[in-house]
Protein backbone atom coordinates (compact mmCIF):
# COMPACT_ATOMS: atom_id res chain seq x y z
CA UNK A 1 0.00 0.00 0.00
CA UNK A 2 1.33 3.41 -0.91
CA UNK A 3 0.27 6.45 1.11
CA UNK A 4 1.11 10.02 0.12
CA UNK A 5 2.72 12.06 2.91
CA UNK A 6 3.11 15.82 2.58
CA UNK A 7 6.02 17.36 4.49
CA UNK A 8 5.86 21.07 5.21
CA UNK A 9 8.44 23.19 7.05
CA UNK A 10 6.95 24.45 10.32
CA UNK A 11 7.10 28.14 11.23
CA UNK A 12 8.49 27.18 14.65
CA UNK A 13 11.16 24.94 13.10
CA UNK A 14 11.04 21.29 12.18
CA UNK A 15 8.47 19.74 9.88
CA UNK A 16 4.79 18.88 9.84
CA UNK A 17 3.73 15.66 8.10
CA UNK A 18 0.19 15.36 6.74
CA UNK A 19 -1.58 12.40 5.11
CA UNK A 20 -4.27 13.91 2.86
CA UNK A 21 -6.09 10.58 2.37
CA UNK A 22 -6.41 10.01 6.15
CA UNK A 23 -8.27 12.99 7.66
CA UNK A 24 -6.70 14.17 10.90
CA UNK A 25 -3.56 12.06 10.47
CA UNK A 26 -0.89 14.66 11.21
CA UNK A 27 2.45 14.53 13.00
CA UNK A 28 5.57 16.63 13.52
CA UNK A 29 9.30 16.21 13.94
CA UNK A 30 12.43 18.29 14.48
CA UNK A 31 13.88 16.97 11.20
CA UNK A 32 12.48 15.43 8.01
CA UNK A 33 13.55 12.01 9.29
CA UNK A 34 11.86 12.53 12.65
CA UNK A 35 8.65 13.73 10.98
CA UNK A 36 8.59 10.71 8.66
CA UNK A 37 9.23 8.32 11.56
CA UNK A 38 6.44 9.93 13.59
CA UNK A 39 3.94 9.93 10.71
CA UNK A 40 4.61 6.21 10.10
CA UNK A 41 3.58 5.57 13.71
CA UNK A 42 0.54 7.85 13.32
CA UNK A 43 -0.54 6.01 10.15
CA UNK A 44 -0.21 2.63 11.88
CA UNK A 45 -2.35 3.83 14.77
CA UNK A 46 -4.87 5.42 12.42
CA UNK A 47 -5.29 2.19 10.46
CA UNK A 48 -5.22 -0.11 13.51
CA UNK A 49 -8.66 -1.64 14.11
CA UNK A 50 -10.40 -0.22 17.12
CA UNK A 51 -11.60 -2.75 19.66
CA UNK A 52 -15.22 -2.37 20.66
CA UNK A 53 -15.27 -1.75 24.40
CA UNK A 54 -19.08 -1.80 24.64
CA UNK A 55 -20.51 -4.40 26.94
CA UNK A 56 -23.42 -6.35 25.55
CA UNK A 57 -25.92 -7.41 28.18
C-alpha cells in the first residue's frame, strides 16, 4: 500500500507531516527524518482496528 505524505516546514522549526487521504492524520518532527518516523507511527495507529469496548448485556 502506498500512502502520500506531505512534508511542510513548520514556522516554529522542524516539519509537519500530513496524510491527505487520512483525515486528521498529522504529525511533527524536528527533522524530516523525525517527521517521517512519527507519521509512520501515526498512520499505523490510524489504520489499527479499534476494539469495541461496549458491553453487551
